[in-house]
Amino acid sequence: MDDNTIICRCSDITLKELRELISKGYTSVEEIKRINRAGMGPCQGRTCENLILREIAAFKGVDISELKISTRRPIVKGITLGQIASAGGDSLE
């Protein structure tokens, strides 16, 4: 793969950006998520997590099965106060 290959389509993270983070010492999916949001988009890492793990494993010289996968969390979508008010009942009792 070339340096401009997109690793995380949701956050537009390239292979070059990923390798730079790994070389700086960020060697877990959780750390990388917190630094550049890779794996936090709509797909929640389903398309990029294995690519990230593969790069970390190659850098560390370990088998990919030895690495910890990231924690999956549901996507949070903001709502307006108007939506809350219209969804409520006639009273707050």
N, C-alpha and C. Protein backbone atom coordinates (compact mmCIF):
# COMPACT_ATOMS: atom_id res chain seq x y z
N MET A 1 0.85 -1.19 0.00
CA MET A 1 0.00 0.00 0.00
C MET A 1 0.89 1.24 0.00
N ASP A 2 0.40 2.26 -0.61
CA ASP A 2 1.14 3.51 -0.68
C ASP A 2 0.73 4.41 0.50
N ASP A 3 1.57 5.39 0.83
CA ASP A 3 1.34 6.25 1.99
C ASP A 3 0.01 6.99 1.95
N ASN A 4 -0.51 7.24 0.74
CA ASN A 4 -1.76 7.99 0.61
C ASN A 4 -3.00 7.10 0.66
N THR A 5 -2.80 5.81 0.87
CA THR A 5 -3.94 4.89 0.99
C THR A 5 -4.77 5.28 2.20
N ILE A 6 -6.07 5.41 1.99
CA ILE A 6 -6.98 5.75 3.08
C ILE A 6 -7.21 4.50 3.93
N ILE A 7 -6.89 4.59 5.20
CA ILE A 7 -7.09 3.49 6.14
C ILE A 7 -8.47 3.59 6.77
N CYS A 8 -8.82 4.77 7.23
CA CYS A 8 -10.13 5.00 7.85
C CYS A 8 -10.92 5.93 6.94
N ARG A 9 -11.91 5.36 6.25
CA ARG A 9 -12.71 6.15 5.32
C ARG A 9 -13.60 7.16 6.03
N CYS A 10 -14.06 6.85 7.20
CA CYS A 10 -14.95 7.75 7.93
C CYS A 10 -14.23 9.04 8.35
N SER A 11 -12.96 8.91 8.73
CA SER A 11 -12.20 10.07 9.22
C SER A 11 -11.09 10.49 8.28
N ASP A 12 -11.01 9.88 7.10
CA ASP A 12 -10.01 10.24 6.09
C ASP A 12 -8.57 10.12 6.62
N ILE A 13 -8.27 9.06 7.32
CA ILE A 13 -6.93 8.83 7.88
C ILE A 13 -6.13 8.01 6.87
N THR A 14 -4.95 8.51 6.52
CA THR A 14 -4.11 7.80 5.56
C THR A 14 -3.14 6.85 6.27
N LEU A 15 -2.57 5.96 5.49
CA LEU A 15 -1.57 5.03 6.01
C LEU A 15 -0.37 5.80 6.57
N LYS A 16 0.01 6.88 5.89
CA LYS A 16 1.14 7.69 6.37
C LYS A 16 0.85 8.28 7.75
N GLU A 17 -0.36 8.82 7.93
CA GLU A 17 -0.73 9.39 9.24
C GLU A 17 -0.73 8.32 10.32
N LEU A 18 -1.25 7.15 9.98
CA LEU A 18 -1.29 6.05 10.94
C LEU A 18 0.13 5.63 11.33
N ARG A 19 0.98 5.46 10.36
CA ARG A 19 2.37 5.04 10.65
C ARG A 19 3.11 6.09 11.47
N GLU A 20 2.83 7.36 11.23
CA GLU A 20 3.47 8.42 12.03
C GLU A 20 3.06 8.31 13.49
N LEU A 21 1.78 8.06 13.74
CA LEU A 21 1.31 7.91 15.12
C LEU A 21 1.95 6.70 15.79
N ILE A 22 2.00 5.59 15.07
CA ILE A 22 2.60 4.37 15.63
C ILE A 22 4.07 4.60 15.95
N SER A 23 4.77 5.30 15.07
CA SER A 23 6.20 5.56 15.32
C SER A 23 6.41 6.50 16.50
N LYS A 24 5.39 7.29 16.84
CA LYS A 24 5.47 8.18 18.01
C LYS A 24 5.16 7.45 19.31
N GLY A 25 4.76 6.17 19.21
CA GLY A 25 4.52 5.38 20.41
C GLY A 25 3.08 5.04 20.69
N TYR A 26 2.17 5.46 19.84
CA TYR A 26 0.76 5.10 20.01
C TYR A 26 0.56 3.72 19.40
N THR A 27 0.58 2.69 20.23
CA THR A 27 0.58 1.33 19.71
C THR A 27 -0.62 0.49 20.16
N SER A 28 -1.75 1.16 20.36
CA SER A 28 -2.99 0.42 20.60
C SER A 28 -4.09 1.13 19.81
N VAL A 29 -5.11 0.38 19.45
CA VAL A 29 -6.22 0.96 18.70
C VAL A 29 -6.89 2.05 19.53
N GLU A 30 -7.03 1.84 20.82
CA GLU A 30 -7.66 2.84 21.70
C GLU A 30 -6.89 4.16 21.69
N GLU A 31 -5.57 4.09 21.76
CA GLU A 31 -4.76 5.32 21.73
C GLU A 31 -4.93 6.04 20.39
N ILE A 32 -4.89 5.30 19.33
CA ILE A 32 -5.01 5.90 18.01
C ILE A 32 -6.39 6.52 17.82
N LYS A 33 -7.43 5.87 18.34
CA LYS A 33 -8.79 6.43 18.28
C LYS A 33 -8.84 7.79 18.96
N ARG A 34 -8.20 7.90 20.11
CA ARG A 34 -8.26 9.13 20.87
C ARG A 34 -7.44 10.26 20.25
N ILE A 35 -6.41 9.91 19.50
CA ILE A 35 -5.57 10.92 18.88
C ILE A 35 -6.17 11.44 17.58
N ASN A 36 -6.65 10.54 16.72
CA ASN A 36 -7.13 11.02 15.41
C ASN A 36 -8.52 10.53 15.01
N ARG A 37 -9.26 9.93 15.91
CA ARG A 37 -10.64 9.49 15.70
C ARG A 37 -10.80 8.32 14.72
N ALA A 38 -9.72 7.68 14.35
CA ALA A 38 -9.83 6.50 13.48
C ALA A 38 -10.67 5.45 14.20
N GLY A 39 -11.66 4.91 13.52
CA GLY A 39 -12.52 3.90 14.13
C GLY A 39 -13.68 4.46 14.91
N MET A 40 -13.87 5.77 14.88
CA MET A 40 -14.96 6.37 15.65
C MET A 40 -16.07 6.93 14.77
N GLY A 41 -15.98 6.70 13.47
CA GLY A 41 -17.00 7.19 12.55
C GLY A 41 -18.21 6.29 12.52
N PRO A 42 -19.07 6.48 11.53
CA PRO A 42 -20.30 5.69 11.42
C PRO A 42 -20.08 4.18 11.38
N CYS A 43 -18.95 3.72 10.84
CA CYS A 43 -18.72 2.27 10.76
C CYS A 43 -18.19 1.69 12.07
N GLN A 44 -17.79 2.57 13.02
CA GLN A 44 -17.26 2.14 14.31
C GLN A 44 -16.08 1.19 14.20
N GLY A 45 -15.23 1.42 13.19
CA GLY A 45 -14.01 0.62 13.05
C GLY A 45 -14.17 -0.67 12.28
N ARG A 46 -15.37 -0.96 11.80
CA ARG A 46 -15.55 -2.23 11.08
C ARG A 46 -14.73 -2.29 9.80
N THR A 47 -14.42 -1.15 9.20
CA THR A 47 -13.61 -1.19 7.97
C THR A 47 -12.13 -0.91 8.22
N CYS A 48 -11.78 -0.25 9.30
CA CYS A 48 -10.38 0.13 9.49
C CYS A 48 -9.67 -0.56 10.65
N GLU A 49 -10.38 -1.12 11.59
CA GLU A 49 -9.71 -1.65 12.78
C GLU A 49 -8.70 -2.74 12.43
N ASN A 50 -9.04 -3.65 11.54
CA ASN A 50 -8.09 -4.70 11.17
C ASN A 50 -6.86 -4.14 10.47
N LEU A 51 -7.04 -3.09 9.68
CA LEU A 51 -5.90 -2.45 9.02
C LEU A 51 -4.99 -1.79 10.05
N ILE A 52 -5.59 -1.14 11.03
CA ILE A 52 -4.81 -0.51 12.10
C ILE A 52 -4.07 -1.56 12.91
N LEU A 53 -4.78 -2.63 13.27
CA LEU A 53 -4.14 -3.72 14.03
C LEU A 53 -2.98 -4.33 13.25
N ARG A 54 -3.16 -4.50 11.95
CA ARG A 54 -2.09 -5.08 11.12
C ARG A 54 -0.84 -4.19 11.14
N GLU A 55 -1.03 -2.89 11.06
CA GLU A 55 0.12 -1.97 11.09
C GLU A 55 0.80 -1.97 12.46
N ILE A 56 0.02 -2.00 13.52
CA ILE A 56 0.60 -2.05 14.87
C ILE A 56 1.38 -3.35 15.06
N ALA A 57 0.79 -4.47 14.63
CA ALA A 57 1.46 -5.77 14.77
C ALA A 57 2.77 -5.80 14.00
N ALA A 58 2.77 -5.26 12.79
CA ALA A 58 4.00 -5.23 11.99
C ALA A 58 5.07 -4.37 12.68
N PHE A 59 4.65 -3.24 13.23
CA PHE A 59 5.60 -2.35 13.91
C PHE A 59 6.19 -3.00 15.15
N LYS A 60 5.34 -3.67 15.93
CA LYS A 60 5.78 -4.30 17.18
C LYS A 60 6.43 -5.66 16.96
N GLY A 61 6.26 -6.23 15.76
CA GLY A 61 6.83 -7.55 15.48
C GLY A 61 6.11 -8.67 16.22
N VAL A 62 4.79 -8.52 16.38
CA VAL A 62 4.00 -9.54 17.05
C VAL A 62 2.89 -10.01 16.12
N ASP A 63 2.25 -11.12 16.48
CA ASP A 63 1.12 -11.60 15.72
C ASP A 63 -0.10 -10.74 16.04
N ILE A 64 -0.92 -10.50 15.06
CA ILE A 64 -2.09 -9.64 15.24
C ILE A 64 -3.03 -10.17 16.33
N SER A 65 -3.05 -11.48 16.53
CA SER A 65 -3.92 -12.09 17.55
C SER A 65 -3.51 -11.70 18.97
N GLU A 66 -2.30 -11.20 19.15
CA GLU A 66 -1.83 -10.79 20.48
C GLU A 66 -2.29 -9.39 20.86
N LEU A 67 -2.86 -8.66 19.92
CA LEU A 67 -3.28 -7.28 20.17
C LEU A 67 -4.73 -7.22 20.61
N LYS A 68 -5.03 -6.22 21.41
CA LYS A 68 -6.39 -6.04 21.94
C LYS A 68 -7.21 -5.22 20.95
N ILE A 69 -8.44 -5.68 20.68
CA ILE A 69 -9.33 -4.90 19.82
C ILE A 69 -9.92 -3.76 20.63
N SER A 70 -10.49 -2.79 19.93
CA SER A 70 -11.02 -1.63 20.63
C SER A 70 -12.42 -1.89 21.18
N THR A 71 -12.84 -1.02 22.08
CA THR A 71 -14.17 -1.09 22.65
C THR A 71 -15.16 -0.48 21.67
N ARG A 72 -16.24 -1.18 21.40
CA ARG A 72 -17.26 -0.66 20.48
C ARG A 72 -18.32 0.05 21.30
N ARG A 73 -18.65 1.23 20.87
CA ARG A 73 -19.67 2.03 21.54
C ARG A 73 -20.70 2.47 20.51
N PRO A 74 -21.96 2.62 20.91
CA PRO A 74 -22.97 3.09 19.95
C PRO A 74 -22.71 4.54 19.57
N ILE A 75 -23.12 4.90 18.38
CA ILE A 75 -22.97 6.27 17.90
C ILE A 75 -23.97 7.15 18.64
N VAL A 76 -23.54 8.33 19.03
CA VAL A 76 -24.40 9.28 19.71
C VAL A 76 -24.80 10.34 18.70
N LYS A 77 -26.08 10.59 18.62
CA LYS A 77 -26.58 11.61 17.70
C LYS A 77 -27.32 12.65 18.51
N GLY A 78 -26.98 13.91 18.31
CA GLY A 78 -27.62 14.99 19.05
C GLY A 78 -29.07 15.19 18.62
N ILE A 79 -29.89 15.62 19.56
CA ILE A 79 -31.27 15.95 19.25
C ILE A 79 -31.57 17.33 19.84
N THR A 80 -32.58 17.96 19.31
CA THR A 80 -32.93 19.30 19.78
C THR A 80 -33.91 19.21 20.95
N LEU A 81 -34.03 20.31 21.68
CA LEU A 81 -35.01 20.37 22.77
C LEU A 81 -36.42 20.24 22.22
N GLY A 82 -36.64 20.77 21.02
CA GLY A 82 -37.96 20.65 20.39
C GLY A 82 -38.34 19.20 20.15
N GLN A 83 -37.38 18.38 19.74
CA GLN A 83 -37.65 16.96 19.53
C GLN A 83 -38.00 16.27 20.85
N ILE A 84 -37.32 16.64 21.90
CA ILE A 84 -37.61 16.07 23.23
C ILE A 84 -39.00 16.48 23.67
N ALA A 85 -39.33 17.78 23.52
CA ALA A 85 -40.62 18.28 23.95
C ALA A 85 -41.77 17.64 23.17
N SER A 86 -41.58 17.45 21.87
CA SER A 86 -42.66 16.87 21.07
C SER A 86 -42.82 15.37 21.32
N ALA A 87 -41.81 14.73 21.83
CA ALA A 87 -41.89 13.30 22.12
C ALA A 87 -42.49 13.01 23.50
N GLY A 88 -42.52 14.04 24.34
CA GLY A 88 -43.02 13.86 25.70
C GLY A 88 -44.54 13.79 25.74
N GLY A 89 -45.04 13.40 26.88
CA GLY A 89 -46.49 13.33 27.08
C GLY A 89 -47.05 14.69 27.44
N ASP A 90 -48.29 14.69 27.94
CA ASP A 90 -48.95 15.94 28.32
C ASP A 90 -48.41 16.53 29.61
N SER A 91 -47.85 15.69 30.47
CA SER A 91 -47.32 16.19 31.72
C SER A 91 -46.05 15.44 32.08
N LEU A 92 -45.36 15.96 33.06
CA LEU A 92 -44.12 15.34 33.53
C LEU A 92 -44.35 14.57 34.82
N GLU A 93 -45.57 14.26 35.16
CA GLU A 93 -45.88 13.59 36.43
C GLU A 93 -45.40 12.19 36.46
